[in-house]
Protein backbone atom coordinates (compact mmCIF):
# COMPACT_ATOMS: atom_id res chain seq x y z
CA UNK A 1 29.86 -6.66 -6.62
CA UNK A 2 27.29 -4.41 -8.34
CA UNK A 3 24.03 -6.30 -8.59
CA UNK A 4 22.95 -4.28 -11.61
CA UNK A 5 25.85 -5.84 -13.54
CA UNK A 6 24.79 -9.42 -12.85
CA UNK A 7 23.04 -11.26 -15.65
CA UNK A 8 19.77 -13.05 -15.05
CA UNK A 9 21.32 -16.47 -14.54
CA UNK A 10 23.80 -15.16 -12.00
CA UNK A 11 21.66 -12.78 -10.02
CA UNK A 12 21.00 -15.19 -7.14
CA UNK A 13 24.59 -16.43 -6.98
CA UNK A 14 26.85 -14.72 -4.45
CA UNK A 15 30.36 -15.31 -3.22
CA UNK A 16 30.63 -17.24 0.02
CA UNK A 17 33.06 -16.78 2.88
CA UNK A 18 32.44 -19.76 5.13
CA UNK A 19 28.71 -19.74 5.85
CA UNK A 20 28.22 -15.99 5.23
CA UNK A 21 27.81 -13.94 2.10
CA UNK A 22 30.19 -11.08 1.47
CA UNK A 23 28.50 -7.68 1.36
CA UNK A 24 24.94 -8.90 1.66
CA UNK A 25 22.12 -7.27 -0.25
CA UNK A 26 20.52 -6.15 3.01
CA UNK A 27 23.74 -4.44 4.07
CA UNK A 28 23.95 -2.63 0.73
CA UNK A 29 20.31 -1.57 0.99
CA UNK A 30 20.91 -0.05 4.44
CA UNK A 31 23.90 1.84 3.01
CA UNK A 32 21.88 3.07 0.05
CA UNK A 33 19.09 4.42 2.26
CA UNK A 34 21.43 6.04 4.78
CA UNK A 35 23.23 7.93 2.01
CA UNK A 36 20.15 9.42 0.36
CA UNK A 37 19.80 13.17 0.96
CA UNK A 38 16.55 14.49 2.41
CA UNK A 39 15.21 17.87 1.26
CA UNK A 40 12.53 20.08 2.74
CA UNK A 41 10.37 19.16 -0.26
CA UNK A 42 10.74 15.47 0.67
CA UNK A 43 9.58 16.22 4.20
CA UNK A 44 6.61 18.23 2.94
CA UNK A 45 5.58 15.39 0.64
CA UNK A 46 5.92 12.94 3.51
CA UNK A 47 3.57 14.99 5.68
CA UNK A 48 0.84 14.62 3.04
CA UNK A 49 1.21 10.83 3.10
CA UNK A 50 1.07 10.94 6.89
CA UNK A 51 -2.16 12.92 6.69
CA UNK A 52 -3.61 10.43 4.23
CA UNK A 53 -2.74 7.44 6.42
CA UNK A 54 -3.93 8.98 9.69
CA UNK A 55 -7.26 9.81 8.06
CA UNK A 56 -7.56 6.17 6.97
CA UNK A 57 -6.88 5.00 10.53
CA UNK A 58 -9.54 7.30 11.96
CA UNK A 59 -12.10 6.46 9.28
CA UNK A 60 -11.43 2.73 9.51
CA UNK A 61 -12.76 2.53 13.07
CA UNK A 62 -16.39 2.68 11.93
CA UNK A 63 -16.47 -0.70 10.19
CA UNK A 64 -17.19 -4.23 11.31
CA UNK A 65 -13.54 -5.37 11.23
CA UNK A 66 -12.46 -2.03 12.71
CA UNK A 67 -14.78 -2.43 15.68
CA UNK A 68 -13.56 -5.99 16.23
CA UNK A 69 -9.95 -4.81 16.21
CA UNK A 70 -10.72 -2.03 18.70
CA UNK A 71 -12.64 -4.38 20.99
CA UNK A 72 -9.69 -6.79 20.90
CA UNK A 73 -7.28 -3.95 21.62
CA UNK A 74 -9.27 -2.86 24.67
CA UNK A 75 -8.51 -6.18 26.39
CA UNK A 76 -5.05 -6.81 24.93
CA UNK A 77 -1.72 -6.18 26.62
CA UNK A 78 -0.76 -2.62 25.75
CA UNK A 79 2.53 -1.52 24.26
CA UNK A 80 4.00 0.02 21.12
CA UNK A 81 3.68 -3.27 19.26
CA UNK A 82 -0.05 -3.60 19.90
CA UNK A 83 -0.60 0.15 19.36
CA UNK A 84 0.96 -0.15 15.92
CA UNK A 85 -0.93 -3.39 15.29
CA UNK A 86 -4.27 -1.66 15.87
CA UNK A 87 -3.54 1.48 13.87
CA UNK A 88 -1.99 -0.39 10.94
CA UNK A 89 -4.91 -2.78 10.82
CA UNK A 90 -7.40 0.11 10.81
CA UNK A 91 -5.46 2.03 8.15
CA UNK A 92 -6.13 -0.56 5.45
CA UNK A 93 -9.79 -1.33 6.12
CA UNK A 94 -11.38 1.33 3.90
CA UNK A 95 -9.21 0.41 0.88
CA UNK A 96 -8.34 4.06 0.32
CA UNK A 97 -4.78 4.15 1.71
CA UNK A 98 -1.76 4.91 -0.48
CA UNK A 99 -0.19 2.50 -2.97
CA UNK A 100 3.25 2.25 -4.56
CA UNK A 101 2.61 1.08 -8.12
CA UNK A 102 5.89 -0.59 -9.03
CA UNK A 103 5.85 -2.79 -5.92
CA UNK A 104 2.03 -3.12 -5.73
CA UNK A 105 2.44 -2.34 -2.04
CA UNK A 106 0.63 -0.13 0.49
CA UNK A 107 3.55 1.33 2.50
CA UNK A 108 1.79 4.00 4.55
CA UNK A 109 -0.53 1.73 6.51
CA UNK A 110 2.43 -0.32 7.77
CA UNK A 111 5.20 2.26 8.21
CA UNK A 112 3.46 5.41 9.45
CA UNK A 113 1.51 4.18 12.52
CA UNK A 114 4.54 2.39 13.96
CA UNK A 115 6.88 5.29 13.24
CA UNK A 116 4.48 7.76 14.88
CA UNK A 117 3.91 5.65 18.02
CA UNK A 118 7.62 4.96 18.44
CA UNK A 119 8.59 8.60 17.81
CA UNK A 120 6.15 9.77 20.48
CA UNK A 121 7.44 7.21 22.97
CA UNK A 122 11.08 8.13 22.32
CA UNK A 123 10.49 11.89 22.40
CA UNK A 124 11.61 12.30 18.79
CA UNK A 125 11.05 15.45 16.77
CA UNK A 126 8.65 15.76 13.88
CA UNK A 127 11.58 15.81 11.47
CA UNK A 128 12.95 12.58 13.00
CA UNK A 129 9.57 10.97 12.43
CA UNK A 130 9.24 12.13 8.83
CA UNK A 131 12.76 10.95 7.99
CA UNK A 132 11.99 7.52 9.48
CA UNK A 133 8.88 7.32 7.29
CA UNK A 134 10.99 8.01 4.18
CA UNK A 135 13.40 5.25 5.26
CA UNK A 136 10.56 2.80 5.78
CA UNK A 137 8.91 3.47 2.44
CA UNK A 138 12.26 3.07 0.68
CA UNK A 139 13.06 -0.33 2.20
CA UNK A 140 9.60 -1.84 1.72
CA UNK A 141 9.10 -0.66 -1.85
CA UNK A 142 12.60 -1.45 -3.11
CA UNK A 143 12.20 -5.03 -1.93
CA UNK A 144 8.61 -5.08 -3.20
CA UNK A 145 9.70 -4.03 -6.69
CA UNK A 146 11.94 -7.11 -6.85
CA UNK A 147 9.51 -9.87 -5.83
CA UNK A 148 8.09 -10.51 -9.31
CA UNK A 149 4.51 -11.04 -10.52
CA UNK A 150 4.37 -14.73 -9.50
CA UNK A 151 4.80 -13.71 -5.85
CA UNK A 152 1.79 -11.38 -6.05
CA UNK A 153 -0.48 -14.15 -7.32
CA UNK A 154 -0.19 -15.94 -3.96
CA UNK A 155 1.34 -13.50 -1.50
CA UNK A 156 0.08 -10.07 -0.45
CA UNK A 157 3.09 -7.80 -1.10
CA UNK A 158 2.16 -5.34 1.64
CA UNK A 159 2.23 -8.16 4.17
CA UNK A 160 5.42 -9.82 2.95
CA UNK A 161 7.48 -6.69 2.25
CA UNK A 162 5.87 -4.41 4.83
CA UNK A 163 7.87 -5.83 7.77
CA UNK A 164 11.10 -4.66 6.09
CA UNK A 165 9.74 -1.11 5.89
CA UNK A 166 8.50 -1.10 9.47
CA UNK A 167 11.82 -2.48 10.70
CA UNK A 168 13.79 0.11 8.73
CA UNK A 169 11.73 3.01 10.10
CA UNK A 170 12.03 1.68 13.66
CA UNK A 171 15.77 1.13 13.25
CA UNK A 172 16.19 4.75 12.20
CA UNK A 173 14.27 6.01 15.24
CA UNK A 174 16.13 3.69 17.61
CA UNK A 175 19.48 4.92 16.22
CA UNK A 176 20.57 1.35 15.52
CA UNK A 177 24.03 0.70 14.16
CA UNK A 178 24.50 -0.56 10.62
CA UNK A 179 24.92 -4.13 11.86
CA UNK A 180 21.88 -3.93 14.12
CA UNK A 181 19.77 -2.58 11.25
CA UNK A 182 20.83 -5.48 9.05
CA UNK A 183 19.78 -7.85 11.84
CA UNK A 184 16.46 -6.04 12.15
CA UNK A 185 15.75 -6.48 8.43
CA UNK A 186 16.81 -10.11 8.66
CA UNK A 187 14.36 -10.81 11.45
CA UNK A 188 11.67 -8.79 9.68
CA UNK A 189 12.09 -10.90 6.56
CA UNK A 190 11.78 -14.18 8.39
CA UNK A 191 8.37 -13.02 9.64
CA UNK A 192 7.08 -12.28 6.13
CA UNK A 193 3.67 -13.78 5.47
CA UNK A 194 0.21 -12.98 4.17
CA UNK A 195 -1.78 -15.02 1.63
CA UNK A 196 -4.47 -13.87 -0.82
CA UNK A 197 -6.85 -16.68 0.14
CA UNK A 198 -8.77 -14.21 2.29
CA UNK A 199 -10.31 -12.75 -0.88
CA UNK A 200 -12.08 -15.78 -2.39
CA UNK A 201 -13.08 -16.81 1.14
CA UNK A 202 -14.39 -13.27 1.82
CA UNK A 203 -12.49 -13.12 5.14
CA UNK A 204 -11.09 -10.16 7.12
CA UNK A 205 -7.48 -11.37 7.08
CA UNK A 206 -6.15 -8.54 4.88
CA UNK A 207 -6.30 -6.16 7.83
CA UNK A 208 -4.35 -8.66 9.91
CA UNK A 209 -1.67 -8.54 7.20
CA UNK A 210 -0.91 -4.85 7.72
CA UNK A 211 -1.24 -5.10 11.49
CA UNK A 212 1.21 -7.98 11.73
CA UNK A 213 3.64 -6.34 9.30
CA UNK A 214 3.94 -3.28 11.56
CA UNK A 215 4.19 -5.39 14.69
CA UNK A 216 6.81 -7.64 13.08
CA UNK A 217 8.96 -4.64 12.14
CA UNK A 218 8.77 -3.30 15.68
CA UNK A 219 9.68 -6.67 17.17
CA UNK A 220 12.58 -7.13 14.76
CA UNK A 221 14.10 -3.70 15.40
CA UNK A 222 13.74 -3.67 19.17
CA UNK A 223 15.21 -7.15 19.45
CA UNK A 224 18.12 -6.09 17.22
CA UNK A 225 18.73 -3.15 19.56
CA UNK A 226 19.44 -5.74 22.28
CA UNK A 227 21.84 -7.74 20.15
CA UNK A 228 19.35 -10.31 18.81
CA UNK A 229 20.85 -11.27 15.46
CA UNK A 230 19.02 -11.73 12.18
CA UNK A 231 19.92 -13.37 8.87
CA UNK A 232 22.23 -11.01 7.02
CA UNK A 233 21.41 -12.60 3.67
CA UNK A 234 17.68 -12.85 4.26
CA UNK A 235 16.94 -11.60 0.74
CA UNK A 236 19.38 -13.43 -1.54
CA UNK A 237 20.32 -16.43 0.60
CA UNK A 238 19.82 -19.99 -0.65
CA UNK A 239 17.06 -20.37 1.93
CA UNK A 240 16.08 -16.73 1.97
CA UNK A 241 13.14 -14.56 0.96
CA UNK A 242 13.57 -14.49 -2.83
CA UNK A 243 14.23 -18.21 -3.23
CA UNK A 244 11.40 -19.21 -0.90
CA UNK A 245 8.60 -16.89 -2.00
CA UNK A 246 9.53 -15.33 -5.35
CA UNK A 247 9.81 -17.70 -8.36
CA UNK A 248 10.51 -14.88 -10.84
CA UNK A 249 12.28 -12.38 -8.59
CA UNK A 250 14.55 -9.67 -10.00
CA UNK A 251 16.82 -9.07 -6.98
CA UNK A 252 18.99 -6.51 -8.75
CA UNK A 253 16.08 -4.06 -8.61
CA UNK A 254 16.53 -3.68 -4.83
CA UNK A 255 19.71 -1.65 -5.33
CA UNK A 256 19.05 -0.16 -8.75
CA UNK A 257 19.11 3.61 -9.37
CA UNK A 258 20.27 4.64 -5.90
CA UNK A 259 20.21 8.34 -6.81
CA UNK A 260 16.58 8.46 -7.94
CA UNK A 261 14.08 10.38 -5.78
CA UNK A 262 12.76 8.76 -2.63
CA UNK A 263 10.23 6.03 -3.40
CA UNK A 264 7.66 7.89 -1.30
CA UNK A 265 7.57 10.40 -4.16
CA UNK A 266 6.70 7.53 -6.53
CA UNK A 267 3.75 6.47 -4.35
CA UNK A 268 0.13 7.15 -5.27
CA UNK A 269 -2.67 8.53 -3.10
CA UNK A 270 -6.01 6.89 -3.85
CA UNK A 271 -9.14 8.98 -4.49
CA UNK A 272 -11.66 6.12 -4.21
CA UNK A 273 -12.22 3.53 -1.43
CA UNK A 274 -11.62 0.33 -3.41
CA UNK A 275 -8.82 -1.78 -4.83
CA UNK A 276 -6.34 0.32 -6.77
CA UNK A 277 -6.58 -2.05 -9.73
CA UNK A 278 -10.12 -0.77 -10.33
CA UNK A 279 -9.16 2.90 -10.37
CA UNK A 280 -8.24 3.51 -14.03
CA UNK A 281 -11.54 1.89 -15.05
CA UNK A 282 -13.43 4.05 -12.54
CA UNK A 283 -11.80 7.22 -13.84
CA UNK A 284 -12.65 6.29 -17.42
CA UNK A 285 -16.23 5.35 -16.49
CA UNK A 286 -16.76 8.64 -14.65
CA UNK A 287 -15.88 10.48 -17.85
CA UNK A 288 -18.64 8.58 -19.66
CA UNK A 289 -21.31 8.96 -16.99
CA UNK A 290 -22.93 12.11 -18.39
CA UNK A 291 -23.21 10.50 -21.84
CA UNK A 292 -25.08 7.42 -20.64
CA UNK A 293 -28.84 7.11 -21.08
CA UNK A 294 -29.88 5.11 -18.02
CA UNK A 295 -33.09 4.03 -19.76
CA UNK A 296 -31.26 2.37 -22.65
CA UNK A 297 -29.67 -1.08 -22.75
CA UNK A 298 -25.93 -1.08 -23.34
CA UNK A 299 -22.92 -3.38 -23.21
CA UNK A 300 -19.73 -2.45 -21.33
CA UNK A 301 -16.27 -3.59 -22.39
CA UNK A 302 -13.37 -3.17 -19.97
CA UNK A 303 -9.78 -3.52 -21.17
CA UNK A 304 -7.00 -3.42 -18.61
CA UNK A 305 -3.93 -5.33 -17.36
CA UNK A 306 -3.87 -8.98 -16.26
CA UNK A 307 -3.08 -8.30 -12.60
CA UNK A 308 -6.34 -6.38 -12.33
CA UNK A 309 -8.23 -9.40 -13.63
CA UNK A 310 -6.36 -11.75 -11.31
CA UNK A 311 -7.54 -9.80 -8.27
CA UNK A 312 -10.70 -8.00 -9.39
CA UNK A 313 -12.58 -10.06 -11.96
CA UNK A 314 -15.71 -10.52 -9.83
CA UNK A 315 -18.95 -10.13 -11.80
CA UNK A 316 -21.31 -10.70 -8.85
CA UNK A 317 -19.76 -9.65 -5.51
CA UNK A 318 -21.79 -10.77 -2.52
CA UNK A 319 -20.38 -8.42 0.12
CA UNK A 320 -19.39 -4.76 0.34
CA UNK A 321 -15.75 -5.77 0.70
CA UNK A 322 -15.64 -8.04 -2.35
CA UNK A 323 -17.47 -5.34 -4.32
CA UNK A 324 -14.40 -3.17 -3.73
CA UNK A 325 -12.46 -5.84 -5.63
CA UNK A 326 -14.88 -6.02 -8.57
CA UNK A 327 -14.02 -4.27 -11.82
CA UNK A 328 -17.56 -4.90 -12.99
CA UNK A 329 -19.24 -3.37 -9.96
CA UNK A 330 -16.89 -0.39 -9.76
CA UNK A 331 -17.38 0.52 -13.42
CA UNK A 332 -21.14 0.14 -13.23
CA UNK A 333 -21.31 2.31 -10.09
CA UNK A 334 -19.25 5.02 -11.77
CA UNK A 335 -21.30 4.90 -14.98
CA UNK A 336 -24.64 4.86 -13.18
CA UNK A 337 -24.07 7.18 -10.21
CA UNK A 338 -21.30 9.44 -11.50
CA UNK A 339 -19.44 9.03 -8.19
CA UNK A 340 -17.69 6.36 -6.13
CA UNK A 341 -17.78 6.70 -2.35
CA UNK A 342 -18.17 4.59 0.79
CA UNK A 343 -21.83 3.92 0.04
CA UNK A 344 -21.14 2.65 -3.47
CA UNK A 345 -20.54 -0.89 -2.27
CA UNK A 346 -23.52 -1.41 0.03
CA UNK A 347 -26.25 -3.98 -0.51
CA UNK A 348 -28.65 -1.66 -2.28
CA UNK A 349 -26.05 -0.65 -4.87
CA UNK A 350 -24.93 -4.25 -5.35
CA UNK A 351 -28.49 -5.41 -5.88
CA UNK A 352 -29.36 -2.53 -8.18
CA UNK A 353 -26.33 -3.09 -10.41
CA UNK A 354 -26.20 -6.88 -10.36
CA UNK A 355 -28.38 -6.98 -13.50
CA UNK A 356 -25.54 -5.30 -15.40
CA UNK A 357 -23.03 -8.05 -14.64
CA UNK A 358 -24.03 -10.09 -17.70
CA UNK A 359 -23.65 -7.00 -19.87
CA UNK A 360 -20.07 -6.34 -18.79
CA UNK A 361 -17.00 -8.04 -20.28
CA UNK A 362 -13.44 -7.78 -18.99
CA UNK A 363 -10.23 -8.62 -20.84
CA UNK A 364 -6.52 -7.98 -20.45
CA UNK A 365 -4.71 -6.49 -23.46
CA UNK A 366 -1.05 -6.42 -24.41
CA UNK A 367 -1.09 -2.62 -24.44
CA UNK A 368 -1.89 -2.39 -20.74
CA UNK A 369 0.03 -5.54 -19.77
CA UNK A 370 3.21 -4.17 -21.33
CA UNK A 371 2.89 -0.86 -19.47
CA UNK A 372 2.19 -2.49 -16.07
CA UNK A 373 3.35 -2.02 -13.31
CA UNK A 374 4.99 1.28 -14.27
CA UNK A 375 1.62 2.49 -15.55
CA UNK A 376 -1.83 1.21 -14.57
CA UNK A 377 -4.23 1.88 -17.43
CA UNK A 378 -7.62 0.87 -18.78
CA UNK A 379 -10.21 1.46 -21.47
CA UNK A 380 -13.97 1.51 -20.87
CA UNK A 381 -16.14 1.19 -23.97
CA UNK A 382 -19.94 1.43 -23.87
CA UNK A 383 -22.04 0.23 -26.83
CA UNK A 384 -25.74 1.08 -26.87
CA UNK A 385 -28.46 -1.18 -28.23
CA UNK A 386 -28.56 1.15 -31.26
CA UNK A 387 -24.89 0.51 -31.94
CA UNK A 388 -23.60 3.87 -30.70
CA UNK A 389 -20.15 3.59 -29.07
CA UNK A 390 -18.47 5.87 -26.53
CA UNK A 391 -14.98 5.23 -25.18
CA UNK A 392 -12.70 6.60 -22.47
CA UNK A 393 -9.03 5.65 -22.08
CA UNK A 394 -6.73 6.10 -19.11
CA UNK A 395 -2.98 5.52 -19.27
CA UNK A 396 -2.51 6.20 -15.55
CA UNK A 397 -4.56 6.25 -12.37
CA UNK A 398 -5.73 9.51 -10.86
CA UNK A 399 -3.48 10.04 -7.84
CA UNK A 400 -0.37 8.57 -9.51
CA UNK A 401 2.79 10.71 -9.75
CA UNK A 402 1.85 11.58 -13.36
CA UNK A 403 -1.66 12.59 -12.28
CA UNK A 404 -1.19 13.40 -8.62
CA UNK A 405 -3.77 14.84 -6.28
CA UNK A 406 -3.18 18.45 -5.33
CA UNK A 407 -2.51 19.35 -1.67
CA UNK A 408 -6.06 20.74 -1.52
CA UNK A 409 -7.50 17.50 -2.92
CA UNK A 410 -5.51 15.51 -0.36
CA UNK A 411 -6.92 17.63 2.47
CA UNK A 412 -10.45 17.30 1.08
CA UNK A 413 -10.04 13.54 0.86
CA UNK A 414 -8.72 13.38 4.45
CA UNK A 415 -11.81 15.22 5.75
CA UNK A 416 -14.08 12.88 3.80
CA UNK A 417 -12.35 9.77 5.14
CA UNK A 418 -12.32 11.02 8.73
CA UNK A 419 -16.04 11.80 8.48
CA UNK A 420 -16.58 8.03 8.26
CA UNK A 421 -15.70 7.70 11.97
CA UNK A 422 -18.49 7.63 14.56
CA UNK A 423 -16.47 9.64 17.09
CA UNK A 424 -16.09 13.36 16.50
CA UNK A 425 -12.73 14.72 15.43
CA UNK A 426 -11.47 18.19 14.61
CA UNK A 427 -10.16 17.60 11.09
CA UNK A 428 -9.09 21.19 10.47
CA UNK A 429 -6.76 21.30 13.48
CA UNK A 430 -5.47 17.77 12.90
CA UNK A 431 -4.66 18.54 9.27
CA UNK A 432 -2.85 21.71 10.29
CA UNK A 433 -0.87 19.86 12.97
CA UNK A 434 0.21 17.06 10.62
CA UNK A 435 1.29 19.43 7.87
CA UNK A 436 3.45 21.28 10.43
CA UNK A 437 5.12 18.16 11.87
CA UNK A 438 8.56 19.04 10.53
CA UNK A 439 8.62 22.05 12.87
CA UNK A 440 7.70 20.15 16.06
CA UNK A 441 10.41 19.48 18.63
CA UNK A 442 8.50 16.53 20.07
CA UNK A 443 5.96 14.25 18.44
CA UNK A 444 2.48 14.26 20.01
CA UNK A 445 0.51 11.12 20.81
CA UNK A 446 -1.04 9.32 17.86
CA UNK A 447 -4.50 10.81 17.15
CA UNK A 448 -6.53 7.67 17.77
CA UNK A 449 -8.84 7.37 20.75
CA UNK A 450 -8.89 3.99 22.49
């Protein structure tokens, strides 16, 4: 049965044979991914996302949560699972790792560290590794696109859908059979978790989300390789993922448009180290920076989509981390400083700009709501005390497929992010090595000192 042909009322109803569904959605997803052709251009694009993620891992070490994770790792039992746990946790700390818009999911921080560690352990080639990354992105984002907006209000999509991507990448590298891969995804799905409560409580749990997602995928795939079965209908089952966690799911999206380009090519690379929902407002505010008279009073109006308000409507952030989830702070930093970098969220900037919180209003408009999540847009409007108005509008985020970073910009970003680490690295050689991965016969060790 083609899921795209099911109407809304039928989309969660499937034909039973005893206690099992016929032709489960997970089985069809595995088929879809296995049949997709991989071009040299796909591999080249993948290498840029690998570079971006590895830079985030390296840069993430020099942070309070990063140091805690590394200290924990130094006394933990070692193995691929804990290696991936550490690297995936570090990759998300700086809030500058990649994001897939339509699923509101960060695939790189979950899929890439595990795939690299496992490839190195198994003696896989660079091409094997890059292909596994494509597989992982595809599984995680296709499921993520189907969860619905109600899921995102409570659950962190990267944490709930990430295990599917990690399991798919690991299954590819382990050469699992079709049945074993379905089991791996089933056991990945039953480990889905990750709640947004960390944000209002200003906790570090978000980094645990990505770490556990990678570890869960590894556990699921390696157990499946030994015959450990998983729920074949984990997605559409009456007690499965969509029914349990997704009140307004659109399951048919998982298998829609099988011939479209790999979802990795629909993924965005972030230029600024803060929540992606703030990025269209930052880009618009940066355009206005040179026209602002810092000595004059002005009022700032931000128009964007509702999801951005749900996560980032924080007029007075009290920590550097919550400032990264503040539309108000991010726009004021961009307007005032003309740049957004790692120092933009520190105490001095927060204190300096806190006076502007009362002068900044944020609303969601139908224009941007209707375009989301396919397009993440915003308007920033500044009105001076004299009544002069300047406006900047963004229909997309910088770094999105419609406004993608160039290879040179990606390399420049990687150097900047890696410079955040305390330990010295050789970014030029590492960048060269990563961009040549498709030609390597054997994957090297992951470039993270421990």
